[in-house]
Protein backbone atom coordinates (compact mmCIF):
# COMPACT_ATOMS: atom_id res chain seq x y z
CA MET A 1 -256.99 -166.10 -65.49
CA LYS A 2 -254.47 -168.48 -67.00
CA THR A 3 -252.18 -166.89 -69.55
CA LEU A 4 -250.89 -168.48 -72.75
CA PRO A 5 -247.23 -169.40 -73.20
CA THR A 6 -244.87 -167.56 -75.53
CA GLY A 7 -244.97 -168.77 -79.13
CA LYS A 8 -247.72 -169.75 -81.50
CA LEU A 9 -251.31 -169.95 -80.30
CA PRO A 10 -252.25 -173.52 -79.36
CA ALA A 11 -253.37 -175.32 -82.51
CA ASP A 12 -256.82 -176.25 -81.17
CA MET A 13 -257.50 -172.66 -80.12
CA LEU A 14 -256.33 -171.25 -83.45
CA ARG A 15 -258.46 -173.74 -85.36
CA ASP A 16 -261.52 -172.76 -83.33
CA LEU A 17 -260.89 -169.03 -83.76
CA LEU A 18 -260.48 -169.36 -87.52
CA ARG A 19 -263.61 -171.50 -87.74
CA ARG A 20 -265.66 -168.89 -85.89
CA TYR A 21 -264.10 -165.70 -87.22
CA GLY A 22 -262.57 -166.73 -90.55
CA PRO A 23 -263.49 -165.27 -93.95
CA SER A 24 -266.69 -166.08 -95.82
CA ASP A 25 -265.49 -165.13 -99.32
CA ARG A 26 -266.16 -168.19 -101.46
CA ARG A 27 -263.46 -167.19 -103.93
CA LEU A 28 -260.84 -168.35 -101.43
CA VAL A 29 -259.42 -171.70 -102.47
CA VAL A 30 -257.80 -172.18 -99.06
CA GLY A 31 -258.61 -170.09 -95.99
CA PRO A 32 -256.27 -168.72 -93.32
CA VAL A 33 -253.21 -170.93 -92.87
CA SER A 34 -249.55 -170.01 -93.44
CA ALA A 35 -250.61 -168.51 -96.73
CA GLY A 36 -254.06 -168.00 -98.22
CA ARG A 37 -254.89 -168.76 -101.85
CA GLY A 38 -257.35 -166.77 -103.93
CA ASP A 39 -259.56 -167.44 -106.95
CA HIS A 40 -258.00 -169.57 -109.72
CA ARG A 41 -260.91 -169.85 -112.12
CA HIS A 42 -260.80 -169.07 -115.85
CA GLY A 43 -257.19 -170.25 -116.14
CA ARG A 44 -255.79 -167.20 -114.37
CA PRO A 45 -252.83 -167.38 -111.98
CA THR A 46 -253.72 -168.14 -108.38
CA ALA A 47 -253.14 -165.21 -106.02
CA VAL A 48 -251.26 -166.14 -102.84
CA ALA A 49 -250.84 -163.93 -99.76
CA THR A 50 -249.07 -164.38 -96.46
CA SER A 51 -248.01 -162.31 -93.45
CA ASP A 52 -245.27 -163.10 -90.95
CA PRO A 53 -243.44 -160.95 -88.36
CA VAL A 54 -239.82 -160.99 -87.29
CA THR A 55 -239.64 -160.21 -83.58
CA PHE A 56 -236.59 -162.12 -82.34
CA ALA A 57 -233.65 -160.97 -84.46
CA THR A 58 -232.06 -157.53 -84.57
CA GLU A 59 -229.30 -158.02 -87.10
CA GLU A 60 -230.53 -158.29 -90.72
CA ILE A 61 -234.14 -158.08 -89.56
CA GLY A 62 -235.28 -156.62 -92.89
CA TRP A 63 -233.59 -159.40 -94.82
CA TYR A 64 -235.21 -161.98 -92.54
CA ALA A 65 -238.67 -160.52 -93.02
CA VAL A 66 -238.55 -160.74 -96.79
CA HIS A 67 -237.24 -164.29 -96.90
CA VAL A 68 -239.53 -165.89 -94.28
CA ASN A 69 -242.55 -164.46 -96.07
CA ALA A 70 -241.22 -165.48 -99.48
CA ASN A 71 -240.77 -169.02 -98.18
CA ASP A 72 -244.42 -169.29 -97.17
CA VAL A 73 -245.57 -168.09 -100.59
CA ALA A 74 -243.14 -170.41 -102.38
CA CYS A 75 -244.43 -173.39 -100.38
CA CYS A 76 -247.80 -172.80 -102.03
CA GLY A 77 -246.15 -173.34 -105.40
CA ALA A 78 -246.19 -169.59 -106.06
CA THR A 79 -243.59 -167.08 -107.17
CA PRO A 80 -243.13 -164.14 -104.73
CA ARG A 81 -243.95 -160.86 -106.49
CA TRP A 82 -244.84 -157.99 -104.14
CA PHE A 83 -243.80 -157.17 -100.57
CA LEU A 84 -245.16 -154.76 -97.96
CA ALA A 85 -243.50 -154.08 -94.61
CA THR A 86 -244.74 -152.62 -91.35
CA VAL A 87 -241.61 -151.42 -89.56
CA LEU A 88 -241.96 -150.61 -85.84
CA LEU A 89 -238.93 -148.90 -84.27
CA PRO A 90 -238.21 -148.34 -80.56
CA ALA A 91 -238.66 -144.85 -79.14
CA GLU A 92 -235.50 -143.11 -77.90
CA ALA A 93 -233.32 -145.80 -79.48
CA THR A 94 -233.83 -145.30 -83.21
CA THR A 95 -231.14 -143.53 -85.21
CA PRO A 96 -231.24 -142.54 -88.88
CA ALA A 97 -228.60 -145.21 -89.49
CA LEU A 98 -230.85 -147.93 -88.00
CA ALA A 99 -233.82 -146.91 -90.15
CA GLU A 100 -231.71 -146.79 -93.30
CA SER A 101 -230.09 -150.16 -92.60
CA ILE A 102 -233.49 -151.87 -92.31
CA PHE A 103 -234.74 -150.29 -95.52
CA ALA A 104 -231.51 -151.28 -97.29
CA GLN A 105 -231.97 -154.87 -96.10
CA LEU A 106 -235.57 -154.94 -97.32
CA SER A 107 -234.52 -153.57 -100.69
CA ASP A 108 -231.56 -155.92 -101.10
CA ALA A 109 -233.56 -159.02 -100.18
CA CYS A 110 -236.39 -158.07 -102.54
CA GLY A 111 -233.88 -157.38 -105.29
CA GLU A 112 -232.35 -160.85 -104.89
CA MET A 113 -235.68 -162.45 -105.82
CA GLY A 114 -237.12 -159.93 -108.23
CA VAL A 115 -239.76 -158.89 -105.70
CA SER A 116 -241.17 -155.35 -105.68
CA LEU A 117 -241.09 -153.51 -102.34
CA CYS A 118 -244.37 -151.74 -102.88
CA GLY A 119 -245.57 -150.27 -99.58
CA GLY A 120 -246.25 -150.65 -95.88
CA HIS A 121 -246.01 -148.50 -92.77
CA THR A 122 -243.19 -147.19 -90.59
CA GLU A 123 -243.30 -145.62 -87.14
CA ILE A 124 -241.24 -145.00 -84.01
CA THR A 125 -243.35 -146.25 -81.14
CA HIS A 126 -243.34 -146.65 -77.35
CA GLY A 127 -242.99 -149.92 -75.50
CA LEU A 128 -240.42 -151.59 -77.73
CA ASP A 129 -236.87 -152.58 -76.83
CA ARG A 130 -235.97 -153.65 -80.38
CA PRO A 131 -237.20 -153.23 -83.96
CA ILE A 132 -240.08 -155.37 -85.21
CA VAL A 133 -240.86 -155.94 -88.88
CA VAL A 134 -244.17 -157.42 -90.01
CA GLY A 135 -244.06 -158.53 -93.63
CA GLN A 136 -246.79 -159.22 -96.14
CA MET A 137 -245.86 -161.08 -99.33
CA LEU A 138 -248.07 -161.53 -102.38
CA GLY A 139 -247.36 -164.00 -105.14
CA GLU A 140 -248.75 -165.86 -108.11
CA ALA A 141 -249.03 -169.60 -108.75
CA PRO A 142 -249.92 -171.38 -112.00
CA PRO A 143 -253.70 -171.96 -112.07
CA ASP A 144 -253.29 -175.75 -112.07
CA ARG A 145 -250.28 -176.15 -109.78
CA TYR A 146 -250.76 -174.48 -106.42
CA LEU A 147 -249.87 -176.57 -103.39
CA THR A 148 -250.80 -176.63 -99.72
CA SER A 149 -249.36 -178.08 -96.54
CA GLY A 150 -252.48 -180.25 -96.39
CA GLY A 151 -251.87 -182.27 -99.53
CA ALA A 152 -249.66 -185.06 -98.18
CA ARG A 153 -250.83 -188.58 -98.98
CA VAL A 154 -250.28 -192.02 -97.54
CA GLY A 155 -247.11 -193.46 -99.08
CA ASP A 156 -245.39 -190.09 -99.66
CA THR A 157 -241.72 -189.71 -98.76
CA LEU A 158 -240.61 -186.77 -96.64
CA VAL A 159 -237.73 -184.72 -98.01
CA VAL A 160 -235.88 -182.08 -95.93
CA THR A 161 -233.72 -179.58 -97.81
CA LYS A 162 -230.35 -178.35 -96.51
CA GLY A 163 -230.77 -179.44 -92.89
CA ILE A 164 -232.56 -178.61 -89.66
CA ALA A 165 -231.90 -175.79 -87.17
CA ILE A 166 -230.02 -173.69 -89.74
CA GLU A 167 -231.92 -170.48 -88.97
CA ALA A 168 -231.70 -171.00 -85.19
CA THR A 169 -227.96 -171.62 -85.44
CA ALA A 170 -227.44 -168.37 -87.33
CA ILE A 171 -229.51 -166.40 -84.83
CA ILE A 172 -227.68 -167.85 -81.83
CA ALA A 173 -224.29 -167.15 -83.39
CA LYS A 174 -225.26 -163.53 -84.06
CA GLU A 175 -227.18 -162.70 -80.90
CA LYS A 176 -225.09 -164.69 -78.37
CA ARG A 177 -221.64 -164.13 -79.82
CA ASP A 178 -220.22 -162.53 -76.65
CA ARG A 179 -221.23 -165.53 -74.59
CA LEU A 180 -219.87 -168.03 -77.11
CA ARG A 181 -216.57 -166.41 -78.10
CA SER A 182 -214.68 -168.03 -75.19
CA ILE A 183 -216.02 -171.49 -76.07
CA ILE A 184 -216.18 -171.61 -79.87
CA PRO A 185 -213.46 -170.34 -82.24
CA ALA A 186 -214.27 -167.11 -84.08
CA PRO A 187 -214.07 -168.67 -87.57
CA MET A 188 -216.74 -171.23 -86.61
CA LEU A 189 -218.97 -168.52 -85.15
CA ASP A 190 -218.60 -166.52 -88.35
CA ARG A 191 -219.53 -169.60 -90.38
CA CYS A 192 -222.58 -170.22 -88.18
CA ALA A 193 -223.72 -166.61 -88.47
CA GLY A 194 -223.37 -166.92 -92.23
CA PHE A 195 -225.81 -169.83 -92.35
CA LEU A 196 -228.51 -167.26 -93.14
CA HIS A 197 -226.96 -167.02 -96.59
CA VAL A 198 -224.97 -170.27 -96.99
CA PRO A 199 -226.59 -172.78 -97.04
CA GLY A 200 -229.29 -170.14 -96.50
CA ILE A 201 -232.78 -170.05 -95.05
CA SER A 202 -234.51 -169.41 -98.38
CA VAL A 203 -236.38 -172.37 -99.87
CA VAL A 204 -237.74 -170.42 -102.85
CA PRO A 205 -235.53 -172.15 -105.47
CA GLU A 206 -236.19 -175.62 -104.02
CA ALA A 207 -239.95 -174.99 -103.83
CA ALA A 208 -240.03 -173.90 -107.48
CA ILE A 209 -238.32 -177.16 -108.49
CA ALA A 210 -240.67 -179.26 -106.34
CA ARG A 211 -243.76 -177.50 -107.72
CA ASP A 212 -242.90 -178.63 -111.24
CA MET A 213 -242.10 -182.24 -110.29
CA ALA A 214 -244.64 -185.02 -110.62
CA GLY A 215 -245.61 -186.69 -107.38
CA VAL A 216 -245.05 -183.70 -105.06
CA HIS A 217 -248.27 -183.23 -103.10
CA ALA A 218 -247.38 -180.85 -100.25
CA LEU A 219 -244.76 -178.32 -99.19
CA HIS A 220 -244.16 -176.74 -95.80
CA ASP A 221 -241.56 -174.35 -94.40
CA PRO A 222 -241.11 -175.05 -90.67
CA THR A 223 -240.22 -171.94 -88.70
CA GLU A 224 -241.22 -171.36 -85.09
CA GLY A 225 -241.30 -174.75 -83.39
CA GLY A 226 -238.72 -176.27 -85.70
CA ILE A 227 -238.93 -179.51 -87.63
CA ALA A 228 -241.05 -181.23 -84.95
CA THR A 229 -243.82 -178.62 -85.14
CA GLY A 230 -243.51 -178.41 -88.91
CA LEU A 231 -244.04 -182.16 -89.30
CA TRP A 232 -246.97 -182.09 -86.89
CA GLU A 233 -248.57 -179.20 -88.83
CA LEU A 234 -248.10 -181.07 -92.12
CA ALA A 235 -249.65 -184.25 -90.73
CA GLU A 236 -252.51 -182.41 -89.02
CA ALA A 237 -253.37 -180.41 -92.15
CA SER A 238 -253.23 -183.53 -94.35
CA GLY A 239 -255.05 -185.89 -92.00
CA VAL A 240 -252.26 -188.47 -92.14
CA GLY A 241 -249.71 -189.96 -89.77
CA LEU A 242 -245.95 -189.71 -90.18
CA VAL A 243 -243.14 -192.15 -89.46
CA VAL A 244 -239.84 -190.28 -88.96
CA ASP A 245 -236.42 -191.80 -88.33
CA GLU A 246 -234.83 -189.12 -86.14
CA HIS A 247 -231.32 -190.37 -86.91
CA ARG A 248 -231.80 -189.63 -90.60
CA LEU A 249 -232.66 -185.97 -90.07
CA PRO A 250 -229.88 -183.90 -91.69
CA ILE A 251 -228.10 -181.70 -89.17
CA LEU A 252 -224.83 -179.86 -89.71
CA PRO A 253 -222.16 -180.32 -87.01
CA GLU A 254 -222.17 -176.58 -86.24
CA CYS A 255 -225.92 -176.72 -85.55
CA ASP A 256 -225.39 -179.69 -83.26
CA LEU A 257 -222.62 -177.93 -81.34
CA LEU A 258 -224.57 -174.73 -80.65
CA ALA A 259 -227.67 -176.69 -79.64
CA GLN A 260 -225.60 -178.58 -77.08
CA GLN A 261 -224.12 -175.37 -75.66
CA PHE A 262 -227.60 -174.06 -74.82
CA GLY A 263 -229.27 -177.37 -74.00
CA LEU A 264 -231.65 -177.05 -76.94
CA ASP A 265 -233.71 -179.72 -78.64
CA ARG A 266 -232.56 -179.47 -82.26
CA SER A 267 -235.91 -180.70 -83.56
CA ALA A 268 -237.99 -178.12 -81.69
């Protein structure tokens, strides 16, 4: 039997699975996508929920988990409020220091945004060679101003904040430092690793500004698959086509350099 490649499930397969096995609760405004929206009747805030794992990074994994989930909630026009974490730790490789560092990261990241770390599950389990954190973020959006990735309209202008490949650059600089130290000066590697925080992977502040601006119809936070997949998902969800001038995509020189070293497509 043919196996599926690493990464997200193929879009057609995922769409079919959600159609056949998705929820039937009519109070859902939007069903399973990056984040699901709940009932917004009677002028009450719209409840927003999302879940996203971090499986690829070892350093600052707790911090990652909070922010990638907060981004999905924020791109629905919501304010992140409550976070739950399932923390899976590798057997025979987990120390008290490792467990405490992940919890400290979760707490610090939540504290930065005023989010409550309110529960989850933790276990040391077989079959893992690194920690995995699965996050669940809940948030609230104004009853008349929640957004989706499917709201783009013909004539809209695409706006990218900060630049592309920022998260990937930070991960490469952290995880492949030994390989890169003979090629790239240490100060540049340090700067690349710091891209998590400056310019940062969080889009929560930008999403809050966009939510309150007239003429903003859709928000999306591209993660796995990069800007190319993110644009495709936005177009597919909205039922529109996109015209993108690749040369106008904002990319920092450090991102460009690391992509070249590993033969990576910066847009993917």
